[in-house]
C-alpha atoms as a PDB file:
ATOM      1  CA  LYS A   1     -23.993   6.515   6.203  1.00  0.00           C
ATOM      2  CA  GLY A   2     -22.349   4.462   3.457  1.00  0.00           C
ATOM      3  CA  LEU A   3     -19.567   3.318   5.781  1.00  0.00           C
ATOM      4  CA  ALA A   4     -22.102   2.179   8.555  1.00  0.00           C
ATOM      5  CA  ASN A   5     -24.848   0.515   6.156  1.00  0.00           C
ATOM      6  CA  GLY A   6     -22.742  -0.230   3.122  1.00  0.00           C
ATOM      7  CA  ASP A   7     -22.897   1.147  -0.348  1.00  0.00           C
ATOM      8  CA  SER A   8     -22.921  -0.985  -3.355  1.00  0.00           C
ATOM      9  CA  GLU A   9     -22.052   1.665  -5.746  1.00  0.00           C
ATOM     10  CA  LEU A  10     -18.696   2.178  -3.810  1.00  0.00           C
ATOM     11  CA  GLY A  11     -18.285  -1.483  -3.006  1.00  0.00           C
ATOM     12  CA  LEU A  12     -18.493  -0.905   0.843  1.00  0.00           C
ATOM     13  CA  GLN A  13     -19.963  -3.699   2.873  1.00  0.00           C
ATOM     14  CA  ARG A  14     -22.104  -2.987   6.023  1.00  0.00           C
ATOM     15  CA  ILE A  15     -20.320  -2.805   9.244  1.00  0.00           C
ATOM     16  CA  ASP A  16     -21.716  -5.058  11.880  1.00  0.00           C
ATOM     17  CA  ASP A  17     -18.944  -4.781  14.545  1.00  0.00           C
ATOM     18  CA  PRO A  18     -20.741  -3.059  17.477  1.00  0.00           C
ATOM     19  CA  GLU A  19     -17.467  -1.246  18.560  1.00  0.00           C
ATOM     20  CA  THR A  20     -16.847   0.094  15.004  1.00  0.00           C
ATOM     21  CA  ARG A  21     -20.522   1.132  14.764  1.00  0.00           C
ATOM     22  CA  LYS A  22     -20.148   3.030  18.182  1.00  0.00           C
ATOM     23  CA  GLN A  23     -17.107   4.982  16.756  1.00  0.00           C
ATOM     24  CA  LEU A  24     -19.098   5.938  13.640  1.00  0.00           C
ATOM     25  CA  ALA A  25     -22.096   7.215  15.785  1.00  0.00           C
ATOM     26  CA  THR A  26     -19.513   9.149  17.905  1.00  0.00           C
ATOM     27  CA  PHE A  27     -18.014  10.707  14.732  1.00  0.00           C
ATOM     28  CA  LYS A  28     -21.366  11.497  13.422  1.00  0.00           C
ATOM     29  CA  GLY A  29     -22.491  13.259  16.597  1.00  0.00           C
ATOM     30  CA  ASN A  30     -19.118  15.197  16.677  1.00  0.00           C
ATOM     31  CA  TRP A  31     -19.521  16.002  12.987  1.00  0.00           C
ATOM     32  CA  GLU A  32     -22.971  17.540  13.572  1.00  0.00           C
ATOM     33  CA  LYS A  33     -21.220  20.114  15.880  1.00  0.00           C
ATOM     34  CA  TYR A  34     -18.439  20.943  13.451  1.00  0.00           C
ATOM     35  CA  LYS A  35     -20.969  21.089  10.630  1.00  0.00           C
ATOM     36  CA  VAL A  36     -22.434  24.210  12.063  1.00  0.00           C
ATOM     37  CA  SER A  37     -19.285  26.008  12.599  1.00  0.00           C
ATOM     38  CA  ALA A  38     -18.100  24.857   9.157  1.00  0.00           C
ATOM     39  CA  ASN A  39     -21.349  26.304   7.606  1.00  0.00           C
ATOM     40  CA  ALA A  40     -20.727  29.518   9.305  1.00  0.00           C
ATOM     41  CA  ILE A  41     -17.333  29.840   7.753  1.00  0.00           C
ATOM     42  CA  PHE A  42     -18.563  28.843   4.324  1.00  0.00           C
ATOM     43  CA  GLU A  43     -21.179  31.547   4.422  1.00  0.00           C
ATOM     44  CA  LYS A  44     -18.301  34.147   5.038  1.00  0.00           C
ATOM     45  CA  LEU A  45     -16.200  32.476   2.129  1.00  0.00           C
ATOM     46  CA  PRO A  46     -18.483  31.508  -0.860  1.00  0.00           C
ATOM     47  CA  VAL A  47     -15.498  30.196  -2.714  1.00  0.00           C
ATOM     48  CA  ALA A  48     -14.602  27.685  -0.192  1.00  0.00           C
ATOM     49  CA  PHE A  49     -18.231  26.581  -0.119  1.00  0.00           C
ATOM     50  CA  GLN A  50     -18.279  26.158  -3.844  1.00  0.00           C
ATOM     51  CA  ALA A  51     -15.111  24.039  -3.661  1.00  0.00           C
ATOM     52  CA  THR A  52     -16.574  21.863  -0.995  1.00  0.00           C
ATOM     53  CA  ASP A  53     -19.853  21.568  -2.992  1.00  0.00           C
ATOM     54  CA  TYR A  54     -17.899  20.495  -5.908  1.00  0.00           C
ATOM     55  CA  ILE A  55     -16.059  17.789  -3.962  1.00  0.00           C
ATOM     56  CA  SER A  56     -19.255  16.650  -2.422  1.00  0.00           C
ATOM     57  CA  SER A  57     -20.981  16.317  -5.777  1.00  0.00           C
ATOM     58  CA  ASN A  58     -18.057  14.601  -7.365  1.00  0.00           C
ATOM     59  CA  ASN A  59     -17.007  12.429  -4.425  1.00  0.00           C
ATOM     60  CA  ILE A  60     -18.337   9.154  -5.774  1.00  0.00           C
ATOM     61  CA  PRO A  61     -16.515   9.313  -9.047  1.00  0.00           C
ATOM     62  CA  LEU A  62     -13.351  10.467  -7.366  1.00  0.00           C
ATOM     63  CA  LEU A  63     -13.699   7.642  -4.987  1.00  0.00           C
ATOM     64  CA  LYS A  64     -14.382   5.160  -7.747  1.00  0.00           C
ATOM     65  CA  ALA A  65     -11.258   6.419  -9.591  1.00  0.00           C
ATOM     66  CA  MET A  66      -9.142   6.100  -6.420  1.00  0.00           C
ATOM     67  CA  ASN A  67     -10.543   2.788  -5.762  1.00  0.00           C
ATOM     68  CA  SER A  68      -9.607   1.571  -9.262  1.00  0.00           C
ATOM     69  CA  ALA A  69      -6.027   2.993  -8.975  1.00  0.00           C
ATOM     70  CA  VAL A  70      -5.605   1.242  -5.676  1.00  0.00           C
ATOM     71  CA  GLN A  71      -6.896  -2.030  -7.168  1.00  0.00           C
ATOM     72  CA  ALA A  72      -4.619  -1.613 -10.131  1.00  0.00           C
ATOM     73  CA  LEU A  73      -1.636  -1.022  -7.821  1.00  0.00           C
ATOM     74  CA  ALA A  74      -2.541  -4.009  -5.637  1.00  0.00           C
ATOM     75  CA  GLY A  75      -2.800  -6.292  -8.795  1.00  0.00           C
ATOM     76  CA  ASN A  76       0.596  -5.037 -10.022  1.00  0.00           C
ATOM     77  CA  SER A  77       1.986  -5.638  -6.527  1.00  0.00           C
ATOM     78  CA  GLN A  78       0.649  -9.165  -6.345  1.00  0.00           C
ATOM     79  CA  GLY A  79       2.350  -9.911  -9.758  1.00  0.00           C
ATOM     80  CA  LYS A  80       5.604  -8.575  -8.484  1.00  0.00           C
ATOM     81  CA  ILE A  81       5.331 -10.569  -5.191  1.00  0.00           C
ATOM     82  CA  THR A  82       4.605 -13.723  -7.271  1.00  0.00           C
ATOM     83  CA  SER A  83       7.488 -13.032  -9.439  1.00  0.00           C
ATOM     84  CA  MET A  84       9.814 -12.468  -6.452  1.00  0.00           C
ATOM     85  CA  VAL A  85       8.708 -15.731  -4.805  1.00  0.00           C
ATOM     86  CA  ASN A  86       9.180 -17.663  -7.948  1.00  0.00           C
ATOM     87  CA  THR A  87      12.734 -16.071  -8.357  1.00  0.00           C
ATOM     88  CA  GLU A  88      13.597 -17.060  -4.650  1.00  0.00           C
ATOM     89  CA  TYR A  89      12.346 -20.658  -5.260  1.00  0.00           C
ATOM     90  CA  MET A  90      14.634 -20.834  -8.307  1.00  0.00           C
ATOM     91  CA  ILE A  91      17.551 -19.401  -6.459  1.00  0.00           C
ATOM     92  CA  MET A  92      17.025 -21.785  -3.509  1.00  0.00           C
ATOM     93  CA  SER A  93      16.751 -24.666  -6.021  1.00  0.00           C
ATOM     94  CA  VAL A  94      19.992 -23.731  -7.663  1.00  0.00           C
ATOM     95  CA  LEU A  95      21.739 -23.395  -4.422  1.00  0.00           C
ATOM     96  CA  PHE A  96      20.399 -26.712  -3.152  1.00  0.00           C
ATOM     97  CA  VAL A  97      21.771 -28.342  -6.242  1.00  0.00           C
ATOM     98  CA  PHE A  98      25.143 -26.696  -5.821  1.00  0.00           C
ATOM     99  CA  GLY A  99      25.076 -27.613  -2.234  1.00  0.00           C
ATOM    100  CA  ILE A 100      24.495 -31.168  -2.912  1.00  0.00           C
ATOM    101  CA  ALA A 101      27.208 -31.137  -5.528  1.00  0.00           C
ATOM    102  CA  PHE A 102      29.744 -29.343  -3.307  1.00  0.00           C
ATOM    103  CA  SER A 103      28.864 -31.891  -0.592  1.00  0.00           C
ATOM    104  CA  PHE A 104      29.429 -34.875  -2.910  1.00  0.00           C
ATOM    105  CA  ILE A 105      32.855 -33.442  -4.047  1.00  0.00           C
ATOM    106  CA  ILE A 106      33.845 -33.013  -0.276  1.00  0.00           C
ATOM    107  CA  ILE A 107      32.720 -36.389   0.759  1.00  0.00           C
ATOM    108  CA  ARG A 108      34.392 -37.826  -2.287  1.00  0.00           C
ATOM    109  CA  ALA A 109      37.684 -36.123  -1.501  1.00  0.00           C
ATOM    110  CA  ILE A 110      37.441 -37.729   2.032  1.00  0.00           C
ATOM    111  CA  THR A 111      36.296 -41.072   1.290  1.00  0.00           C
ATOM    112  CA  ARG A 112      38.518 -41.839  -1.832  1.00  0.00           C
ATOM    113  CA  PRO A 113      41.803 -41.765   0.135  1.00  0.00           C
ATOM    114  CA  LEU A 114      40.354 -43.603   3.066  1.00  0.00           C
ATOM    115  CA  GLY A 115      39.156 -46.299   0.663  1.00  0.00           C
ATOM    116  CA  GLU A 116      42.761 -46.499  -0.784  1.00  0.00           C
ATOM    117  CA  VAL A 117      44.179 -46.865   2.694  1.00  0.00           C
ATOM    118  CA  SER A 118      41.540 -49.481   3.470  1.00  0.00           C
ATOM    119  CA  GLY A 119      42.225 -51.348   0.391  1.00  0.00           C
ATOM    120  CA  LYS A 120      46.048 -51.422   1.046  1.00  0.00           C
ATOM    121  CA  MET A 121      45.526 -52.504   4.541  1.00  0.00           C
ATOM    122  CA  ASN A 122      43.153 -55.444   3.369  1.00  0.00           C
ATOM    123  CA  GLU A 123      45.997 -56.505   0.868  1.00  0.00           C
ATOM    124  CA  MET A 124      48.494 -56.462   3.749  1.00  0.00           C
ATOM    125  CA  ALA A 125      46.026 -58.443   5.940  1.00  0.00           C
ATOM    126  CA  ALA A 126      45.880 -61.143   3.285  1.00  0.00           C
ATOM    127  CA  GLY A 127      49.736 -61.442   3.269  1.00  0.00           C
ATOM    128  CA  SER A 128      50.815 -59.094   0.502  1.00  0.00           C
ATOM    129  CA  LEU A 129      53.549 -56.923   2.108  1.00  0.00           C
ATOM    130  CA  GLN A 130      55.171 -55.826  -1.195  1.00  0.00           C
ATOM    131  CA  GLN A 131      53.069 -52.880  -2.023  1.00  0.00           C
ATOM    132  CA  ASP A 132      53.375 -49.492  -3.630  1.00  0.00           C
ATOM    133  CA  LYS A 133      53.191 -46.448  -1.194  1.00  0.00           C
ATOM    134  CA  ILE A 134      49.965 -44.583  -1.145  1.00  0.00           C
ATOM    135  CA  SER A 135      50.058 -40.997  -2.506  1.00  0.00           C
ATOM    136  CA  ILE A 136      47.773 -38.848  -0.647  1.00  0.00           C
ATOM    137  CA  LYS A 137      48.384 -35.053  -1.150  1.00  0.00           C
ATOM    138  CA  SER A 138      46.154 -33.617   1.590  1.00  0.00           C
ATOM    139  CA  ARG A 139      47.563 -32.312   4.823  1.00  0.00           C
ATOM    140  CA  ASP A 140      44.584 -33.148   7.039  1.00  0.00           C
ATOM    141  CA  GLU A 141      44.093 -36.426   9.064  1.00  0.00           C
ATOM    142  CA  VAL A 142      43.556 -38.522   6.065  1.00  0.00           C
ATOM    143  CA  GLY A 143      46.904 -37.445   4.782  1.00  0.00           C
ATOM    144  CA  MET A 144      48.513 -38.188   8.110  1.00  0.00           C
ATOM    145  CA  LEU A 145      46.847 -41.649   7.933  1.00  0.00           C
ATOM    146  CA  GLY A 146      48.419 -42.155   4.475  1.00  0.00           C
ATOM    147  CA  ASP A 147      51.831 -40.927   5.688  1.00  0.00           C
ATOM    148  CA  ILE A 148      51.706 -43.296   8.583  1.00  0.00           C
ATOM    149  CA  PHE A 149      50.571 -46.055   6.423  1.00  0.00           C
ATOM    150  CA  ASN A 150      53.512 -45.388   4.122  1.00  0.00           C
ATOM    151  CA  GLN A 151      55.914 -45.452   7.235  1.00  0.00           C
ATOM    152  CA  LEU A 152      54.378 -48.674   8.231  1.00  0.00           C
ATOM    153  CA  LEU A 153      54.851 -50.236   4.800  1.00  0.00           C
ATOM    154  CA  GLY A 154      58.365 -49.003   4.924  1.00  0.00           C
ATOM    155  CA  SER A 155      59.067 -50.572   8.215  1.00  0.00           C
ATOM    156  CA  LEU A 156      57.569 -53.922   7.197  1.00  0.00           C
ATOM    157  CA  GLY A 157      59.523 -53.843   4.036  1.00  0.00           C
ATOM    158  CA  GLN A 158      62.723 -53.416   5.983  1.00  0.00           C
ATOM    159  CA  LEU A 159      61.724 -56.156   8.500  1.00  0.00           C
ATOM    160  CA  VAL A 160      60.968 -58.448   5.564  1.00  0.00           C
ATOM    161  CA  GLN A 161      64.433 -57.728   4.086  1.00  0.00           C
ATOM    162  CA  GLN A 162      66.068 -58.197   7.360  1.00  0.00           C
ATOM    163  CA  ALA A 163      64.194 -61.689   7.905  1.00  0.00           C
ATOM    164  CA  LYS A 164      65.403 -62.745   4.271  1.00  0.00           C
ATOM    165  CA  ALA A 165      68.922 -61.684   5.147  1.00  0.00           C
ATOM    166  CA  ILE A 166      68.873 -63.740   8.312  1.00  0.00           C
ATOM    167  CA  SER A 167      67.311 -66.708   6.922  1.00  0.00           C
ATOM    168  CA  LYS A 168      69.917 -66.809   4.085  1.00  0.00           C
END
């Protein structure tokens, strides 16, 4: 009755869904059949009847106590979930900052040698063929570019020396 029509003492709301009300009515009809069988058993076992009578007379306080316990657990769970989400946000923020810093370092490691090669080539294009070699320590494409530039610088230096020797 409390499930179908609601019970303010238990905090139950009235059920208006027709399908659920139909299921409750079916249960109530089945319960009436089982109630007769159960009463016949309880007449033979008065202790069982006393136990069910105790439970029936105290079910409202028991349900209230259980409801309070469930609400306390739910509140505690909500706090834990909030804490976990905040921790995840903090971890993601730290990882984001580290990711940006790491990306900056990688980009810097690539662009600095390229900038050095580009600067030297601009000096060569302006006519300054007497330059120091580039010291790039990496073994990737940028390092290979630096090695090739150094070879080009060496070859141009030899050509300049040969041209000076021929002109003398």
